[in-house]
């Protein structure tokens, strides 16, 4: 019976012909270093809020992706069959993004590497042993973010309270997005080292996870705290369900941790909302005293919560997006309709949501396809974990970063080929593209 799925062997053979002699120069032992360079590059541009033109930024990213694929090649040829659903949704989604780029050229720089380059990376990485690949990606992520965290503590005094500690980053949200990548990667490495009885490594990676988590907490980023709580809960439940013989106590501890993080998030949210109320009222009083404008804003203690208050105006942005969706997207990521409605020209916000962002930028068809692709990736990451939970300490890696992407993506536009979260999320998905998830390595070609 013929196996379903696209046979990626031709892609690999074409890749080998194109790269030629370079496969003999580069060694797979350099994979961790090349991934460190790639993710570090993504963190750098998260830190600087993308100062270069997108085309230059993407060009360097594509070069780094090429280094990843060159150093990831294994000595054994392998047959890789793509899962039809994953591959089909991928090419449909990014094909629509390319079509939107034909109308609005700014989107071509994002859609081309996603459409063409990442499937090559998926082909190469999915032909390798999963454990060594996950280990290289996770190490690259930890040591890519760590220098920026240390740089922040060494050069920028720690601050407590609003607007949150941002270190050397453009803003606190950018620092939190990098920290959640480091926290998740370091926690997975610590768990794997512990299961392999390498206690010194487990302690070291555990310390890195704690450092990143504490830094994330200092940013007061609600999306980061939500992602942290979600990843802790999902990983703990997965590990307990898959491994523990008596899960009751462990689940109780987990519930307590999630409760504490949830309480902290609620407290931060309410403090931030009340601070915004005070600022609005203070501005109204100032305008009254200096310009005679009537005070139309209620006192802080008299105001009632709204969805805009709870989401820092994101709710209004999302509603404006839903009211103005088109099939081929919009020229810029700034939600112009919301800007006009808000009446504050300096608040030129994007969607602040990965899924709404793609729907607004590239059209509602692309938005729906991204939702479908993400849902399928989650399903397959759960299946992958359950199949390999007892054989591999790294089995939860795709599931963990699916959680990071979704939970942060609910409040930030992180779906870009070389954002710190987007890049790491995509790299660990390579095994999910295999038609047969039960194999930890690809099917060998005989002869």
Protein backbone atom coordinates (compact mmCIF):
# COMPACT_ATOMS: atom_id res chain seq x y z
CA UNK A 1 0.00 0.00 0.00
CA UNK A 2 1.38 3.39 -0.98
CA UNK A 3 2.13 5.68 1.97
CA UNK A 4 0.38 9.00 2.04
CA UNK A 5 2.29 12.25 2.03
CA UNK A 6 4.69 14.14 -0.16
CA UNK A 7 8.04 12.37 -0.72
CA UNK A 8 10.66 14.92 0.36
CA UNK A 9 13.55 12.88 -1.08
CA UNK A 10 13.52 14.88 -4.30
CA UNK A 11 13.78 18.10 -2.32
CA UNK A 12 16.79 16.70 -0.45
CA UNK A 13 18.43 15.47 -3.65
CA UNK A 14 17.91 18.85 -5.31
CA UNK A 15 19.31 20.53 -2.22
CA UNK A 16 22.40 18.31 -2.37
CA UNK A 17 22.98 19.14 -6.03
CA UNK A 18 22.64 22.87 -5.39
CA UNK A 19 24.97 22.90 -2.39
CA UNK A 20 27.41 20.42 -3.94
CA UNK A 21 30.82 20.50 -2.32
CA UNK A 22 29.63 22.58 0.62
CA UNK A 23 28.15 19.46 2.21
CA UNK A 24 31.70 18.15 2.56
CA UNK A 25 32.95 21.40 4.13
CA UNK A 26 30.27 21.80 6.78
CA UNK A 27 29.87 19.35 9.64
CA UNK A 28 26.67 18.55 11.53
CA UNK A 29 28.53 19.26 14.79
CA UNK A 30 28.28 22.91 13.83
CA UNK A 31 24.48 22.77 13.93
CA UNK A 32 24.23 24.15 17.48
CA UNK A 33 26.52 27.05 16.59
CA UNK A 34 24.59 27.90 13.43
CA UNK A 35 21.27 27.76 15.31
CA UNK A 36 22.76 30.00 18.00
CA UNK A 37 23.64 32.49 15.24
CA UNK A 38 20.18 32.29 13.65
CA UNK A 39 18.16 32.67 16.85
CA UNK A 40 20.62 35.25 18.18
CA UNK A 41 20.04 37.27 15.02
CA UNK A 42 16.30 37.07 15.64
CA UNK A 43 16.76 38.22 19.24
CA UNK A 44 18.96 41.11 18.07
CA UNK A 45 16.23 42.42 15.81
CA UNK A 46 13.61 41.87 18.48
CA UNK A 47 15.82 43.97 20.75
CA UNK A 48 16.22 46.71 18.16
CA UNK A 49 12.62 46.59 16.91
CA UNK A 50 13.73 45.83 13.33
CA UNK A 51 15.69 49.00 12.43
CA UNK A 52 16.75 47.81 8.95
CA UNK A 53 14.63 47.59 5.87
CA UNK A 54 12.72 44.32 5.82
CA UNK A 55 14.38 43.05 2.63
CA UNK A 56 17.89 43.42 4.10
CA UNK A 57 16.75 41.87 7.36
CA UNK A 58 15.21 38.89 5.57
CA UNK A 59 18.23 38.46 3.28
CA UNK A 60 20.58 37.96 6.22
CA UNK A 61 18.05 35.66 7.85
CA UNK A 62 17.84 33.52 4.71
CA UNK A 63 21.64 33.26 4.64
CA UNK A 64 21.60 32.05 8.24
CA UNK A 65 18.87 29.54 7.37
CA UNK A 66 21.13 28.23 4.62
CA UNK A 67 23.90 27.71 7.19
CA UNK A 68 21.47 25.81 9.40
CA UNK A 69 20.52 23.44 6.60
CA UNK A 70 24.15 22.98 5.54
CA UNK A 71 25.30 22.07 9.04
CA UNK A 72 22.26 19.89 9.71
CA UNK A 73 22.92 17.39 6.93
CA UNK A 74 23.46 13.83 8.16
CA UNK A 75 25.76 11.27 6.56
CA UNK A 76 22.92 8.78 6.02
CA UNK A 77 20.53 9.44 3.18
CA UNK A 78 16.92 9.30 4.29
CA UNK A 79 13.47 9.21 2.77
CA UNK A 80 11.22 11.92 4.17
CA UNK A 81 7.52 11.86 3.38
CA UNK A 82 5.66 15.04 4.24
CA UNK A 83 2.28 14.90 5.93
CA UNK A 84 -0.28 16.08 3.38
CA UNK A 85 -2.19 18.23 5.85
CA UNK A 86 0.84 20.06 7.24
CA UNK A 87 2.45 20.59 3.84
CA UNK A 88 -0.81 21.44 2.09
CA UNK A 89 -1.88 24.05 4.65
CA UNK A 90 1.63 25.50 4.72
CA UNK A 91 1.86 26.08 0.98
CA UNK A 92 -1.74 27.31 0.80
CA UNK A 93 -1.17 29.78 3.65
CA UNK A 94 2.08 31.20 2.39
CA UNK A 95 0.91 31.08 -1.19
CA UNK A 96 -1.85 33.47 -0.12
CA UNK A 97 0.75 35.61 1.62
CA UNK A 98 2.73 35.79 -1.63
CA UNK A 99 -0.45 36.76 -3.52
CA UNK A 100 -1.03 39.59 -1.04
CA UNK A 101 2.58 40.61 -1.66
CA UNK A 102 1.79 41.04 -5.35
CA UNK A 103 -0.69 43.75 -4.31
CA UNK A 104 1.36 45.14 -1.39
CA UNK A 105 5.05 44.42 -1.92
CA UNK A 106 6.04 44.84 1.74
CA UNK A 107 4.66 41.36 2.44
CA UNK A 108 6.88 39.57 -0.10
CA UNK A 109 9.89 39.80 2.21
CA UNK A 110 7.99 37.81 4.86
CA UNK A 111 6.17 35.34 2.62
CA UNK A 112 9.01 34.18 0.37
CA UNK A 113 11.27 32.65 3.07
CA UNK A 114 8.23 31.11 4.75
CA UNK A 115 6.95 29.63 1.49
CA UNK A 116 10.26 28.39 0.10
CA UNK A 117 13.05 28.28 2.68
CA UNK A 118 11.45 26.77 5.76
CA UNK A 119 10.15 23.64 3.93
CA UNK A 120 13.76 22.95 2.91
CA UNK A 121 14.79 23.30 6.55
CA UNK A 122 11.93 20.97 7.55
CA UNK A 123 13.15 18.40 4.99
CA UNK A 124 16.70 18.52 6.30
CA UNK A 125 15.91 18.57 10.03
CA UNK A 126 13.27 15.84 9.78
CA UNK A 127 15.83 13.52 8.18
CA UNK A 128 17.97 13.74 11.33
CA UNK A 129 17.70 12.13 14.74
CA UNK A 130 15.11 14.13 16.68
CA UNK A 131 16.94 14.20 20.02
CA UNK A 132 20.15 15.72 18.67
CA UNK A 133 18.16 18.21 16.59
CA UNK A 134 16.00 19.33 19.51
CA UNK A 135 19.06 19.57 21.75
CA UNK A 136 20.83 21.81 19.24
CA UNK A 137 17.80 24.07 18.77
CA UNK A 138 17.20 24.42 22.51
CA UNK A 139 20.86 25.13 23.28
CA UNK A 140 20.96 27.68 20.50
CA UNK A 141 17.87 29.39 21.94
CA UNK A 142 19.21 29.52 25.51
CA UNK A 143 22.63 30.88 24.62
CA UNK A 144 21.22 33.30 22.04
CA UNK A 145 19.06 35.08 24.64
CA UNK A 146 21.40 34.79 27.64
CA UNK A 147 23.92 37.48 26.49
CA UNK A 148 21.09 40.01 26.08
CA UNK A 149 19.74 39.26 29.57
CA UNK A 150 23.20 39.64 31.12
CA UNK A 151 23.82 42.80 29.05
CA UNK A 152 20.59 44.23 30.43
CA UNK A 153 21.49 43.56 34.07
CA UNK A 154 25.02 44.89 33.65
CA UNK A 155 24.07 48.16 31.95
CA UNK A 156 20.49 49.02 32.93
CA UNK A 157 19.45 49.26 36.61
CA UNK A 158 16.58 46.98 37.54
CA UNK A 159 13.27 48.78 38.00
CA UNK A 160 10.13 47.54 39.70
CA UNK A 161 6.61 48.59 38.79
CA UNK A 162 5.27 50.15 35.64
CA UNK A 163 5.99 50.38 32.78
CA UNK A 164 8.11 47.29 33.48
CA UNK A 165 11.81 46.50 33.16
CA UNK A 166 12.98 46.53 29.54
CA UNK A 167 16.75 46.27 29.96
CA UNK A 168 18.53 46.97 26.67
CA UNK A 169 15.44 46.15 24.62
CA UNK A 170 13.13 48.52 22.73
CA UNK A 171 10.36 47.88 25.23
CA UNK A 172 9.40 45.46 28.00
CA UNK A 173 7.31 43.27 25.69
CA UNK A 174 10.32 42.63 23.43
CA UNK A 175 12.39 41.51 26.42
CA UNK A 176 9.58 39.27 27.66
CA UNK A 177 9.22 37.59 24.25
CA UNK A 178 12.91 36.67 24.25
CA UNK A 179 12.76 35.55 27.89
CA UNK A 180 9.86 33.15 27.30
CA UNK A 181 11.90 31.47 24.54
CA UNK A 182 14.89 31.13 26.87
CA UNK A 183 12.78 29.97 29.82
CA UNK A 184 11.05 27.25 27.81
CA UNK A 185 14.22 26.03 26.10
CA UNK A 186 16.24 25.98 29.35
CA UNK A 187 13.45 24.17 31.22
CA UNK A 188 13.27 21.47 28.54
CA UNK A 189 17.06 21.04 28.59
CA UNK A 190 17.07 20.87 32.39
CA UNK A 191 14.36 18.19 32.40
CA UNK A 192 16.15 16.18 29.70
CA UNK A 193 19.46 16.40 31.58
CA UNK A 194 17.76 15.31 34.80
CA UNK A 195 16.16 12.30 33.10
CA UNK A 196 19.57 11.38 31.67
CA UNK A 197 21.10 11.72 35.18
CA UNK A 198 23.40 14.59 34.18
CA UNK A 199 22.74 16.57 37.34
CA UNK A 200 25.27 19.36 36.82
CA UNK A 201 23.80 20.16 33.42
CA UNK A 202 20.29 19.95 34.84
CA UNK A 203 21.20 22.44 37.58
CA UNK A 204 22.87 24.80 35.12
CA UNK A 205 19.97 24.85 32.69
CA UNK A 206 17.55 25.10 35.61
CA UNK A 207 19.38 28.23 36.79
CA UNK A 208 19.11 29.69 33.28
CA UNK A 209 15.37 28.96 33.26
CA UNK A 210 14.90 30.69 36.62
CA UNK A 211 16.97 33.71 35.51
CA UNK A 212 14.88 34.11 32.36
CA UNK A 213 11.60 33.59 34.24
CA UNK A 214 12.52 36.21 36.88
CA UNK A 215 13.50 38.66 34.14
CA UNK A 216 10.21 37.98 32.38
CA UNK A 217 8.33 38.70 35.60
CA UNK A 218 10.17 42.04 35.96
CA UNK A 219 8.91 43.12 32.53
CA UNK A 220 5.30 42.96 33.83
CA UNK A 221 4.29 41.72 30.38
CA UNK A 222 0.92 40.04 30.71
CA UNK A 223 1.34 38.10 27.48
CA UNK A 224 4.69 36.81 28.73
CA UNK A 225 3.28 35.85 32.13
CA UNK A 226 0.32 34.13 30.47
CA UNK A 227 2.69 32.17 28.23
CA UNK A 228 4.87 31.25 31.22
CA UNK A 229 1.88 29.98 33.21
CA UNK A 230 0.54 28.14 30.17
CA UNK A 231 3.83 26.44 29.33
CA UNK A 232 4.35 25.38 32.95
CA UNK A 233 0.84 23.95 33.09
CA UNK A 234 0.97 22.19 29.73
CA UNK A 235 4.41 20.67 30.25
CA UNK A 236 3.64 19.60 33.79
CA UNK A 237 0.32 17.99 32.84
CA UNK A 238 1.94 16.27 29.86
CA UNK A 239 4.82 14.90 31.92
CA UNK A 240 2.61 13.87 34.83
CA UNK A 241 0.02 12.21 32.57
CA UNK A 242 2.68 10.41 30.60
CA UNK A 243 5.15 9.39 33.29
CA UNK A 244 3.90 9.67 36.90
CA UNK A 245 2.45 6.63 38.66
CA UNK A 246 0.81 8.69 41.44
CA UNK A 247 0.04 12.09 39.89
CA UNK A 248 -2.22 13.48 42.65
CA UNK A 249 0.39 15.44 44.63
CA UNK A 250 2.16 16.67 41.53
CA UNK A 251 -1.10 17.95 40.08
CA UNK A 252 -1.87 19.73 43.37
CA UNK A 253 1.51 21.49 43.27
CA UNK A 254 0.88 22.41 39.64
CA UNK A 255 -2.52 23.86 40.49
CA UNK A 256 -0.93 25.97 43.23
CA UNK A 257 1.74 27.32 40.85
CA UNK A 258 -0.82 28.17 38.18
CA UNK A 259 -3.02 29.84 40.82
CA UNK A 260 -0.13 32.00 42.03
CA UNK A 261 0.81 33.02 38.49
CA UNK A 262 -2.84 33.68 37.63
CA UNK A 263 -3.29 35.83 40.73
CA UNK A 264 -0.15 37.77 39.88
CA UNK A 265 -1.38 38.31 36.33
CA UNK A 266 -4.78 39.51 37.54
CA UNK A 267 -3.16 41.88 40.04
CA UNK A 268 -0.85 43.32 37.38
CA UNK A 269 -3.78 43.75 35.01
CA UNK A 270 -5.93 45.59 37.54
CA UNK A 271 -3.04 47.83 38.62
CA UNK A 272 -2.32 48.69 35.02
CA UNK A 273 -5.96 49.41 34.27
CA UNK A 274 -6.32 51.67 37.31
CA UNK A 275 -3.11 53.50 36.43
CA UNK A 276 -4.55 54.17 32.96
CA UNK A 277 -7.76 55.48 34.59
CA UNK A 278 -5.69 57.87 36.72
CA UNK A 279 -3.72 59.09 33.71
CA UNK A 280 -6.91 59.72 31.71
CA UNK A 281 -8.51 61.65 34.53
CA UNK A 282 -5.33 63.65 35.24
CA UNK A 283 -5.15 64.65 31.57
CA UNK A 284 -8.82 65.72 31.61
CA UNK A 285 -8.21 67.86 34.71
CA UNK A 286 -5.15 69.43 33.09
CA UNK A 287 -7.10 70.31 29.95
CA UNK A 288 -9.87 71.79 32.09
CA UNK A 289 -7.53 73.92 34.17
CA UNK A 290 -5.44 75.16 31.25
CA UNK A 291 -7.83 75.23 28.30
CA UNK A 292 -11.28 75.25 29.84
CA UNK A 293 -12.28 71.93 28.27
CA UNK A 294 -15.05 70.14 30.22
CA UNK A 295 -14.12 67.03 32.19
CA UNK A 296 -15.94 64.16 30.50
CA UNK A 297 -13.85 61.35 31.97
CA UNK A 298 -15.20 59.71 35.17
CA UNK A 299 -13.06 59.59 38.28
CA UNK A 300 -10.88 56.45 38.43
CA UNK A 301 -12.96 54.88 41.22
CA UNK A 302 -16.17 55.44 39.21
CA UNK A 303 -15.10 53.80 35.96
CA UNK A 304 -16.20 50.33 34.94
CA UNK A 305 -14.01 47.71 33.33
CA UNK A 306 -14.31 47.13 29.60
CA UNK A 307 -12.66 44.69 27.20
CA UNK A 308 -10.45 47.52 25.94
CA UNK A 309 -9.29 48.15 29.50
CA UNK A 310 -8.45 44.50 30.08
CA UNK A 311 -6.60 44.14 26.76
CA UNK A 312 -4.88 47.56 26.68
CA UNK A 313 -6.99 48.70 23.71
CA UNK A 314 -6.36 45.46 21.80
CA UNK A 315 -10.06 44.60 21.78
CA UNK A 316 -10.91 47.75 19.83
CA UNK A 317 -8.11 46.99 17.36
CA UNK A 318 -9.38 43.44 16.83
CA UNK A 319 -12.95 44.63 16.28
CA UNK A 320 -11.72 47.19 13.76
CA UNK A 321 -9.84 44.43 11.94
CA UNK A 322 -12.92 42.20 11.77
CA UNK A 323 -14.94 45.08 10.35
CA UNK A 324 -12.38 45.82 7.64
CA UNK A 325 -11.09 42.46 6.43
CA UNK A 326 -10.36 41.99 2.73
CA UNK A 327 -9.39 38.93 0.74
CA UNK A 328 -5.95 40.29 -0.21
CA UNK A 329 -4.97 42.24 2.91
CA UNK A 330 -3.82 45.81 3.52
CA UNK A 331 -0.80 47.87 2.56
CA UNK A 332 0.69 48.25 6.05
CA UNK A 333 0.42 46.44 9.36
CA UNK A 334 -0.82 49.59 11.09
CA UNK A 335 -4.57 49.20 11.57
CA UNK A 336 -5.48 52.48 9.89
CA UNK A 337 -9.21 52.15 10.53
CA UNK A 338 -8.62 51.90 14.28
CA UNK A 339 -6.17 54.83 14.20
CA UNK A 340 -8.82 57.00 12.52
CA UNK A 341 -11.48 55.88 14.99
CA UNK A 342 -9.18 56.31 18.00
CA UNK A 343 -8.38 59.88 17.01
CA UNK A 344 -4.79 59.67 18.25
CA UNK A 345 -2.48 59.70 15.26
CA UNK A 346 0.60 58.85 17.30
CA UNK A 347 -0.83 55.49 18.40
CA UNK A 348 -0.15 53.60 15.19
CA UNK A 349 -0.59 50.07 16.48
CA UNK A 350 -0.47 46.82 14.57
CA UNK A 351 -2.87 43.97 15.28
CA UNK A 352 -1.10 42.88 18.50
CA UNK A 353 -2.24 39.37 17.63
CA UNK A 354 -0.52 36.84 15.37
CA UNK A 355 -3.73 35.52 13.82
CA UNK A 356 -5.54 38.85 13.40
CA UNK A 357 -2.26 40.27 12.10
CA UNK A 358 -2.00 37.78 9.24
CA UNK A 359 -5.72 38.18 8.49
CA UNK A 360 -5.37 41.98 8.29
CA UNK A 361 -2.03 42.11 6.49
CA UNK A 362 -2.51 39.23 4.05
CA UNK A 363 -6.27 38.73 3.85
CA UNK A 364 -8.89 36.76 5.76
CA UNK A 365 -8.18 33.57 3.75
CA UNK A 366 -4.59 33.60 5.00
CA UNK A 367 -5.84 34.24 8.54
CA UNK A 368 -8.14 31.22 8.44
CA UNK A 369 -5.36 29.06 6.99
CA UNK A 370 -2.99 30.10 9.78
CA UNK A 371 -5.58 29.10 12.38
CA UNK A 372 -6.05 25.72 10.64
CA UNK A 373 -2.31 25.11 10.33
CA UNK A 374 -1.70 26.03 13.99
CA UNK A 375 -4.51 23.76 15.17
CA UNK A 376 -3.12 20.83 13.17
CA UNK A 377 0.38 21.51 14.52
CA UNK A 378 -0.98 21.36 18.07
CA UNK A 379 -2.78 18.07 17.41
CA UNK A 380 0.33 16.52 15.89
CA UNK A 381 2.59 17.84 18.65
CA UNK A 382 0.34 16.13 21.22
CA UNK A 383 0.43 12.91 19.18
CA UNK A 384 4.20 13.17 18.83
CA UNK A 385 4.65 13.64 22.58
CA UNK A 386 2.43 10.70 23.46
CA UNK A 387 4.24 8.38 21.04
CA UNK A 388 7.73 9.29 22.26
CA UNK A 389 7.21 10.36 25.88
CA UNK A 390 8.95 7.28 27.34
CA UNK A 391 11.68 7.03 24.73
CA UNK A 392 12.81 10.67 24.57
CA UNK A 393 13.20 13.36 27.23
CA UNK A 394 12.78 15.95 24.46
CA UNK A 395 9.42 14.66 23.21
CA UNK A 396 7.47 17.64 24.60
CA UNK A 397 9.55 20.23 22.70
CA UNK A 398 7.13 20.85 19.78
CA UNK A 399 4.16 20.96 22.18
CA UNK A 400 5.91 23.48 24.46
CA UNK A 401 6.70 25.92 21.67
CA UNK A 402 3.24 25.54 20.13
CA UNK A 403 1.96 26.75 23.51
CA UNK A 404 4.44 29.65 23.55
CA UNK A 405 3.48 30.72 20.04
CA UNK A 406 -0.28 30.59 20.66
CA UNK A 407 -0.29 32.20 24.11
CA UNK A 408 2.02 35.07 23.17
CA UNK A 409 0.46 35.27 19.71
CA UNK A 410 -2.92 36.03 21.28
CA UNK A 411 -1.57 39.46 22.28
CA UNK A 412 1.49 40.11 20.10
CA UNK A 413 2.19 39.87 16.36
CA UNK A 414 4.91 37.21 16.52
CA UNK A 415 4.31 35.33 13.27
CA UNK A 416 7.28 36.44 11.18
CA UNK A 417 10.04 34.31 9.62
CA UNK A 418 12.75 35.67 11.91
CA UNK A 419 11.05 36.81 15.08
CA UNK A 420 12.54 35.17 18.17
CA UNK A 421 9.34 33.24 18.93
CA UNK A 422 8.29 32.59 15.33
CA UNK A 423 11.66 31.18 14.27
CA UNK A 424 12.07 28.83 17.26
CA UNK A 425 8.45 27.70 16.96
CA UNK A 426 8.96 26.77 13.32
CA UNK A 427 12.32 25.03 13.79
CA UNK A 428 11.00 22.53 16.34
CA UNK A 429 8.07 21.63 14.07
CA UNK A 430 10.24 19.73 11.60
CA UNK A 431 9.36 16.22 12.94
CA UNK A 432 5.65 17.10 12.77
CA UNK A 433 5.97 17.33 9.00
CA UNK A 434 6.80 13.65 8.71
CA UNK A 435 3.86 11.56 7.57
CA UNK A 436 4.75 8.88 10.12
CA UNK A 437 5.11 10.45 13.57
CA UNK A 438 6.06 7.15 15.18
CA UNK A 439 9.55 7.35 13.71
CA UNK A 440 12.12 9.37 15.64
CA UNK A 441 14.32 9.38 12.55
CA UNK A 442 13.29 9.26 8.92
CA UNK A 443 12.95 6.03 7.00
CA UNK A 444 16.35 4.94 5.70
CA UNK A 445 16.87 4.46 1.95
CA UNK A 446 18.24 0.99 1.26
CA UNK A 447 21.09 0.35 -1.11
